[in-house]
């Protein structure tokens, strides 16, 4: 049912975003996979979307985005590990990690220019993609400071996979047009979130883990 008229792809992306938001609590509380905060995953997904949009061949954009993703994550991880436990203000640590990641992002673009003779710096959406990527990476630094590097990196892998799926959804034109034609899905997605918010049972991950422990005891 089309209630709001407009660009099918743009409105479809907003409805897809509603579905993505509904999926995150389901992933955490029902399935049992912990990831970064929801906005971080969406930011990374949009970053991937903008990066792939810059290339004629989507797989080249995807490969390069994954490369720059791991570069930024590595820099963030190293800087935060170095700052871990030092007597510095908390948000100053986050800012230092983000600034180091920005330098790494710019260096990566320069290397791409030198190797492939493609200047991506003249594309404004590459800059926006970098901002979103670094903003998403900030959560990794927060987890490393609060929970340690192992937990931060473990959730980082799940987050990268989630962001990849979000980026694919935002690039899936036929799906976005279908969502545009069924705008009532926004209400359905909210209903799913309400149901998940009252979930008090074991999640699937814990259920599988405890089942293995009980089987060994038997």
C-alpha atoms as a PDB file:
ATOM      1  CA  UNK A   1       0.000   0.000   0.000  1.00  0.00           C
ATOM      2  CA  UNK A   2       1.517   3.292  -1.149  1.00  0.00           C
ATOM      3  CA  UNK A   3       0.673   6.071   1.293  1.00  0.00           C
ATOM      4  CA  UNK A   4       3.648   8.376   0.795  1.00  0.00           C
ATOM      5  CA  UNK A   5       4.431   9.319  -2.792  1.00  0.00           C
ATOM      6  CA  UNK A   6       7.996  10.007  -3.860  1.00  0.00           C
ATOM      7  CA  UNK A   7      11.156   8.391  -5.189  1.00  0.00           C
ATOM      8  CA  UNK A   8      10.633   4.611  -4.831  1.00  0.00           C
ATOM      9  CA  UNK A   9      14.313   3.933  -4.111  1.00  0.00           C
ATOM     10  CA  UNK A  10      14.646   6.685  -1.501  1.00  0.00           C
ATOM     11  CA  UNK A  11      11.448   5.779   0.342  1.00  0.00           C
ATOM     12  CA  UNK A  12      12.316   2.098  -0.047  1.00  0.00           C
ATOM     13  CA  UNK A  13      15.628   2.742   1.711  1.00  0.00           C
ATOM     14  CA  UNK A  14      13.787   4.350   4.640  1.00  0.00           C
ATOM     15  CA  UNK A  15      11.474   1.336   4.931  1.00  0.00           C
ATOM     16  CA  UNK A  16      14.481  -0.982   4.636  1.00  0.00           C
ATOM     17  CA  UNK A  17      16.101   0.993   7.447  1.00  0.00           C
ATOM     18  CA  UNK A  18      13.021   0.292   9.567  1.00  0.00           C
ATOM     19  CA  UNK A  19      13.441  -3.408   8.868  1.00  0.00           C
ATOM     20  CA  UNK A  20      17.153  -3.279   9.681  1.00  0.00           C
ATOM     21  CA  UNK A  21      16.376  -1.598  13.013  1.00  0.00           C
ATOM     22  CA  UNK A  22      13.891  -4.373  13.791  1.00  0.00           C
ATOM     23  CA  UNK A  23      16.455  -7.027  12.892  1.00  0.00           C
ATOM     24  CA  UNK A  24      19.123  -5.870  15.347  1.00  0.00           C
ATOM     25  CA  UNK A  25      17.174  -6.597  18.582  1.00  0.00           C
ATOM     26  CA  UNK A  26      16.110  -9.918  17.034  1.00  0.00           C
ATOM     27  CA  UNK A  27      19.745 -10.742  16.329  1.00  0.00           C
ATOM     28  CA  UNK A  28      20.843  -9.890  19.863  1.00  0.00           C
ATOM     29  CA  UNK A  29      18.005 -11.145  22.106  1.00  0.00           C
ATOM     30  CA  UNK A  30      16.508 -14.034  20.117  1.00  0.00           C
ATOM     31  CA  UNK A  31      19.477 -15.361  18.148  1.00  0.00           C
ATOM     32  CA  UNK A  32      22.125 -14.267  20.663  1.00  0.00           C
ATOM     33  CA  UNK A  33      24.720 -12.590  18.445  1.00  0.00           C
ATOM     34  CA  UNK A  34      26.106  -9.393  19.944  1.00  0.00           C
ATOM     35  CA  UNK A  35      27.192  -6.635  17.598  1.00  0.00           C
ATOM     36  CA  UNK A  36      28.024  -2.973  17.776  1.00  0.00           C
ATOM     37  CA  UNK A  37      25.314  -0.410  18.320  1.00  0.00           C
ATOM     38  CA  UNK A  38      22.616  -0.227  15.666  1.00  0.00           C
ATOM     39  CA  UNK A  39      23.632   3.174  14.305  1.00  0.00           C
ATOM     40  CA  UNK A  40      27.197   1.908  13.814  1.00  0.00           C
ATOM     41  CA  UNK A  41      26.075  -1.004  11.666  1.00  0.00           C
ATOM     42  CA  UNK A  42      23.811   1.255   9.582  1.00  0.00           C
ATOM     43  CA  UNK A  43      26.622   3.810   9.231  1.00  0.00           C
ATOM     44  CA  UNK A  44      28.966   1.096   7.969  1.00  0.00           C
ATOM     45  CA  UNK A  45      26.270  -0.222   5.630  1.00  0.00           C
ATOM     46  CA  UNK A  46      25.731   3.245   4.155  1.00  0.00           C
ATOM     47  CA  UNK A  47      29.490   3.653   3.883  1.00  0.00           C
ATOM     48  CA  UNK A  48      29.642   0.458   1.832  1.00  0.00           C
ATOM     49  CA  UNK A  49      26.720   1.626  -0.309  1.00  0.00           C
ATOM     50  CA  UNK A  50      28.398   4.926  -1.159  1.00  0.00           C
ATOM     51  CA  UNK A  51      31.760   3.272  -1.847  1.00  0.00           C
ATOM     52  CA  UNK A  52      30.301   0.649  -4.190  1.00  0.00           C
ATOM     53  CA  UNK A  53      28.260   3.390  -5.882  1.00  0.00           C
ATOM     54  CA  UNK A  54      31.530   5.046  -6.904  1.00  0.00           C
ATOM     55  CA  UNK A  55      32.592   2.159  -9.144  1.00  0.00           C
ATOM     56  CA  UNK A  56      31.182   0.835 -12.392  1.00  0.00           C
ATOM     57  CA  UNK A  57      31.894  -2.729 -11.273  1.00  0.00           C
ATOM     58  CA  UNK A  58      30.326  -3.307  -7.855  1.00  0.00           C
ATOM     59  CA  UNK A  59      32.707  -6.105  -6.910  1.00  0.00           C
ATOM     60  CA  UNK A  60      35.727  -3.795  -7.247  1.00  0.00           C
ATOM     61  CA  UNK A  61      34.073  -1.294  -4.932  1.00  0.00           C
ATOM     62  CA  UNK A  62      33.201  -4.069  -2.487  1.00  0.00           C
ATOM     63  CA  UNK A  63      36.753  -5.447  -2.450  1.00  0.00           C
ATOM     64  CA  UNK A  64      38.288  -2.016  -1.914  1.00  0.00           C
ATOM     65  CA  UNK A  65      35.766  -1.125   0.787  1.00  0.00           C
ATOM     66  CA  UNK A  66      36.572  -4.333   2.669  1.00  0.00           C
ATOM     67  CA  UNK A  67      40.260  -3.453   2.377  1.00  0.00           C
ATOM     68  CA  UNK A  68      39.797   0.071   3.721  1.00  0.00           C
ATOM     69  CA  UNK A  69      37.442  -1.272   6.404  1.00  0.00           C
ATOM     70  CA  UNK A  70      40.148  -3.555   7.786  1.00  0.00           C
ATOM     71  CA  UNK A  71      42.745  -0.795   7.475  1.00  0.00           C
ATOM     72  CA  UNK A  72      40.600   1.556   9.559  1.00  0.00           C
ATOM     73  CA  UNK A  73      39.740  -1.197  12.045  1.00  0.00           C
ATOM     74  CA  UNK A  74      43.408  -2.122  12.406  1.00  0.00           C
ATOM     75  CA  UNK A  75      44.468   1.465  13.003  1.00  0.00           C
ATOM     76  CA  UNK A  76      41.645   1.970  15.488  1.00  0.00           C
ATOM     77  CA  UNK A  77      42.564  -1.243  17.284  1.00  0.00           C
ATOM     78  CA  UNK A  78      46.268  -0.393  17.524  1.00  0.00           C
ATOM     79  CA  UNK A  79      45.673   3.170  18.731  1.00  0.00           C
ATOM     80  CA  UNK A  80      43.072   2.147  21.297  1.00  0.00           C
ATOM     81  CA  UNK A  81      45.236  -0.704  22.550  1.00  0.00           C
ATOM     82  CA  UNK A  82      48.107   1.758  22.981  1.00  0.00           C
ATOM     83  CA  UNK A  83      45.845   4.192  24.851  1.00  0.00           C
ATOM     84  CA  UNK A  84      44.208   1.468  26.956  1.00  0.00           C
ATOM     85  CA  UNK A  85      44.853   2.035  30.643  1.00  0.00           C
ATOM     86  CA  UNK A  86      46.578   5.392  30.149  1.00  0.00           C
ATOM     87  CA  UNK A  87      45.520   8.324  32.278  1.00  0.00           C
ATOM     88  CA  UNK A  88      43.733  10.227  29.516  1.00  0.00           C
ATOM     89  CA  UNK A  89      40.193  11.510  29.228  1.00  0.00           C
ATOM     90  CA  UNK A  90      37.852   8.853  27.825  1.00  0.00           C
ATOM     91  CA  UNK A  91      36.393  10.865  24.947  1.00  0.00           C
ATOM     92  CA  UNK A  92      39.850  12.189  24.108  1.00  0.00           C
ATOM     93  CA  UNK A  93      40.910   8.559  23.570  1.00  0.00           C
ATOM     94  CA  UNK A  94      37.983   8.061  21.201  1.00  0.00           C
ATOM     95  CA  UNK A  95      38.843  11.252  19.342  1.00  0.00           C
ATOM     96  CA  UNK A  96      42.492  10.246  18.937  1.00  0.00           C
ATOM     97  CA  UNK A  97      41.455   6.887  17.520  1.00  0.00           C
ATOM     98  CA  UNK A  98      39.081   8.532  15.038  1.00  0.00           C
ATOM     99  CA  UNK A  99      41.716  11.057  13.945  1.00  0.00           C
ATOM    100  CA  UNK A 100      44.259   8.288  13.390  1.00  0.00           C
ATOM    101  CA  UNK A 101      41.652   6.352  11.378  1.00  0.00           C
ATOM    102  CA  UNK A 102      40.976   9.429   9.240  1.00  0.00           C
ATOM    103  CA  UNK A 103      44.683   9.734   8.419  1.00  0.00           C
ATOM    104  CA  UNK A 104      44.751   6.035   7.506  1.00  0.00           C
ATOM    105  CA  UNK A 105      41.682   6.496   5.278  1.00  0.00           C
ATOM    106  CA  UNK A 106      43.295   9.398   3.425  1.00  0.00           C
ATOM    107  CA  UNK A 107      46.542   7.476   2.986  1.00  0.00           C
ATOM    108  CA  UNK A 108      44.567   4.527   1.590  1.00  0.00           C
ATOM    109  CA  UNK A 109      42.921   6.803  -0.995  1.00  0.00           C
ATOM    110  CA  UNK A 110      46.317   8.186  -2.001  1.00  0.00           C
ATOM    111  CA  UNK A 111      47.670   4.646  -2.454  1.00  0.00           C
ATOM    112  CA  UNK A 112      44.648   3.745  -4.607  1.00  0.00           C
ATOM    113  CA  UNK A 113      45.356   6.812  -6.709  1.00  0.00           C
ATOM    114  CA  UNK A 114      49.021   5.848  -7.126  1.00  0.00           C
ATOM    115  CA  UNK A 115      48.394   2.164  -7.914  1.00  0.00           C
ATOM    116  CA  UNK A 116      45.243   2.315 -10.051  1.00  0.00           C
ATOM    117  CA  UNK A 117      45.498   5.935 -11.234  1.00  0.00           C
ATOM    118  CA  UNK A 118      41.990   6.606  -9.987  1.00  0.00           C
ATOM    119  CA  UNK A 119      41.500   9.763  -7.950  1.00  0.00           C
ATOM    120  CA  UNK A 120      38.631   9.044  -5.594  1.00  0.00           C
ATOM    121  CA  UNK A 121      39.172  12.223  -3.614  1.00  0.00           C
ATOM    122  CA  UNK A 122      37.133  14.282  -6.099  1.00  0.00           C
ATOM    123  CA  UNK A 123      33.990  12.251  -5.300  1.00  0.00           C
ATOM    124  CA  UNK A 124      32.075  13.809  -2.408  1.00  0.00           C
ATOM    125  CA  UNK A 125      30.345  10.555  -1.487  1.00  0.00           C
ATOM    126  CA  UNK A 126      33.745   8.925  -0.896  1.00  0.00           C
ATOM    127  CA  UNK A 127      34.306  11.572   1.765  1.00  0.00           C
ATOM    128  CA  UNK A 128      30.870  10.892   3.275  1.00  0.00           C
ATOM    129  CA  UNK A 129      31.620   7.157   3.136  1.00  0.00           C
ATOM    130  CA  UNK A 130      34.839   7.732   5.066  1.00  0.00           C
ATOM    131  CA  UNK A 131      33.061   9.767   7.739  1.00  0.00           C
ATOM    132  CA  UNK A 132      30.457   7.039   8.199  1.00  0.00           C
ATOM    133  CA  UNK A 133      33.152   4.350   8.297  1.00  0.00           C
ATOM    134  CA  UNK A 134      35.177   6.175  10.935  1.00  0.00           C
ATOM    135  CA  UNK A 135      32.049   6.943  12.966  1.00  0.00           C
ATOM    136  CA  UNK A 136      31.196   3.248  12.942  1.00  0.00           C
ATOM    137  CA  UNK A 137      34.748   2.347  13.897  1.00  0.00           C
ATOM    138  CA  UNK A 138      34.501   4.544  16.992  1.00  0.00           C
ATOM    139  CA  UNK A 139      32.311   1.912  18.622  1.00  0.00           C
ATOM    140  CA  UNK A 140      35.165  -0.580  18.269  1.00  0.00           C
ATOM    141  CA  UNK A 141      37.338   1.763  20.292  1.00  0.00           C
ATOM    142  CA  UNK A 142      34.648   2.099  22.936  1.00  0.00           C
ATOM    143  CA  UNK A 143      34.379  -1.682  23.268  1.00  0.00           C
ATOM    144  CA  UNK A 144      38.145  -2.095  23.422  1.00  0.00           C
ATOM    145  CA  UNK A 145      38.433   0.450  26.207  1.00  0.00           C
ATOM    146  CA  UNK A 146      35.478  -0.917  28.178  1.00  0.00           C
ATOM    147  CA  UNK A 147      35.552  -4.653  27.392  1.00  0.00           C
ATOM    148  CA  UNK A 148      39.016  -5.350  26.013  1.00  0.00           C
ATOM    149  CA  UNK A 149      40.349  -5.951  22.478  1.00  0.00           C
ATOM    150  CA  UNK A 150      39.188  -9.565  22.129  1.00  0.00           C
ATOM    151  CA  UNK A 151      35.526  -8.758  22.747  1.00  0.00           C
ATOM    152  CA  UNK A 152      35.768  -5.672  20.554  1.00  0.00           C
ATOM    153  CA  UNK A 153      37.205  -7.602  17.629  1.00  0.00           C
ATOM    154  CA  UNK A 154      34.760 -10.510  18.093  1.00  0.00           C
ATOM    155  CA  UNK A 155      31.809  -8.189  17.847  1.00  0.00           C
ATOM    156  CA  UNK A 156      33.582  -6.375  15.035  1.00  0.00           C
ATOM    157  CA  UNK A 157      33.432  -9.473  12.836  1.00  0.00           C
ATOM    158  CA  UNK A 158      29.687  -9.849  13.422  1.00  0.00           C
ATOM    159  CA  UNK A 159      29.227  -6.136  12.794  1.00  0.00           C
ATOM    160  CA  UNK A 160      31.168  -6.287   9.512  1.00  0.00           C
ATOM    161  CA  UNK A 161      28.938  -9.114   8.280  1.00  0.00           C
ATOM    162  CA  UNK A 162      25.816  -7.201   9.360  1.00  0.00           C
ATOM    163  CA  UNK A 163      27.069  -4.037   7.653  1.00  0.00           C
ATOM    164  CA  UNK A 164      27.744  -6.011   4.482  1.00  0.00           C
ATOM    165  CA  UNK A 165      24.156  -7.254   4.479  1.00  0.00           C
ATOM    166  CA  UNK A 166      22.829  -3.745   5.116  1.00  0.00           C
ATOM    167  CA  UNK A 167      24.906  -2.390   2.232  1.00  0.00           C
ATOM    168  CA  UNK A 168      23.555  -5.116  -0.080  1.00  0.00           C
ATOM    169  CA  UNK A 169      19.984  -4.250   0.937  1.00  0.00           C
ATOM    170  CA  UNK A 170      20.524  -0.555   0.214  1.00  0.00           C
ATOM    171  CA  UNK A 171      21.894  -1.463  -3.239  1.00  0.00           C
ATOM    172  CA  UNK A 172      19.079  -3.913  -4.062  1.00  0.00           C
ATOM    173  CA  UNK A 173      16.881  -1.715  -6.254  1.00  0.00           C
ATOM    174  CA  UNK A 174      14.115  -4.235  -6.932  1.00  0.00           C
ATOM    175  CA  UNK A 175      13.786  -4.936  -3.197  1.00  0.00           C
ATOM    176  CA  UNK A 176      13.600  -1.216  -2.430  1.00  0.00           C
ATOM    177  CA  UNK A 177      10.869  -0.718  -5.019  1.00  0.00           C
ATOM    178  CA  UNK A 178       8.951  -3.653  -3.516  1.00  0.00           C
ATOM    179  CA  UNK A 179       9.247  -2.103  -0.058  1.00  0.00           C
ATOM    180  CA  UNK A 180       7.990   1.186  -1.515  1.00  0.00           C
ATOM    181  CA  UNK A 181       4.877  -0.624  -2.767  1.00  0.00           C
ATOM    182  CA  UNK A 182       4.298  -2.145   0.704  1.00  0.00           C
ATOM    183  CA  UNK A 183       4.796   0.762   3.081  1.00  0.00           C
ATOM    184  CA  UNK A 184       2.647  -0.953   5.710  1.00  0.00           C
ATOM    185  CA  UNK A 185       5.750  -3.001   6.503  1.00  0.00           C
ATOM    186  CA  UNK A 186       6.910  -0.124   8.718  1.00  0.00           C
ATOM    187  CA  UNK A 187       4.099  -0.986  11.151  1.00  0.00           C
ATOM    188  CA  UNK A 188       4.882  -4.702  10.898  1.00  0.00           C
ATOM    189  CA  UNK A 189       8.560  -4.092  11.654  1.00  0.00           C
ATOM    190  CA  UNK A 190       7.589  -2.046  14.707  1.00  0.00           C
ATOM    191  CA  UNK A 191       5.316  -4.883  15.856  1.00  0.00           C
ATOM    192  CA  UNK A 192       8.202  -7.340  15.571  1.00  0.00           C
ATOM    193  CA  UNK A 193      10.354  -5.027  17.696  1.00  0.00           C
ATOM    194  CA  UNK A 194       7.618  -4.804  20.349  1.00  0.00           C
ATOM    195  CA  UNK A 195       7.427  -8.616  20.505  1.00  0.00           C
ATOM    196  CA  UNK A 196      11.216  -8.922  20.779  1.00  0.00           C
ATOM    197  CA  UNK A 197      11.284  -6.273  23.530  1.00  0.00           C
ATOM    198  CA  UNK A 198       9.286  -8.613  25.782  1.00  0.00           C
ATOM    199  CA  UNK A 199      11.399 -11.707  24.991  1.00  0.00           C
ATOM    200  CA  UNK A 200      12.426 -13.400  28.243  1.00  0.00           C
ATOM    201  CA  UNK A 201      13.448 -16.858  27.013  1.00  0.00           C
ATOM    202  CA  UNK A 202      16.920 -18.181  26.288  1.00  0.00           C
ATOM    203  CA  UNK A 203      18.312 -17.015  22.990  1.00  0.00           C
ATOM    204  CA  UNK A 204      19.211 -19.606  20.387  1.00  0.00           C
ATOM    205  CA  UNK A 205      22.977 -19.230  20.921  1.00  0.00           C
ATOM    206  CA  UNK A 206      22.716 -19.845  24.688  1.00  0.00           C
ATOM    207  CA  UNK A 207      20.264 -22.683  24.155  1.00  0.00           C
ATOM    208  CA  UNK A 208      22.696 -24.473  21.826  1.00  0.00           C
ATOM    209  CA  UNK A 209      25.626 -23.891  24.206  1.00  0.00           C
ATOM    210  CA  UNK A 210      23.745 -25.126  27.283  1.00  0.00           C
ATOM    211  CA  UNK A 211      22.387 -28.119  25.372  1.00  0.00           C
ATOM    212  CA  UNK A 212      25.946 -29.225  24.580  1.00  0.00           C
ATOM    213  CA  UNK A 213      26.927 -28.889  28.239  1.00  0.00           C
ATOM    214  CA  UNK A 214      23.922 -30.973  29.360  1.00  0.00           C
ATOM    215  CA  UNK A 215      24.656 -33.595  26.713  1.00  0.00           C
ATOM    216  CA  UNK A 216      28.217 -33.967  28.008  1.00  0.00           C
ATOM    217  CA  UNK A 217      26.949 -34.440  31.560  1.00  0.00           C
ATOM    218  CA  UNK A 218      24.575 -37.160  30.426  1.00  0.00           C
END
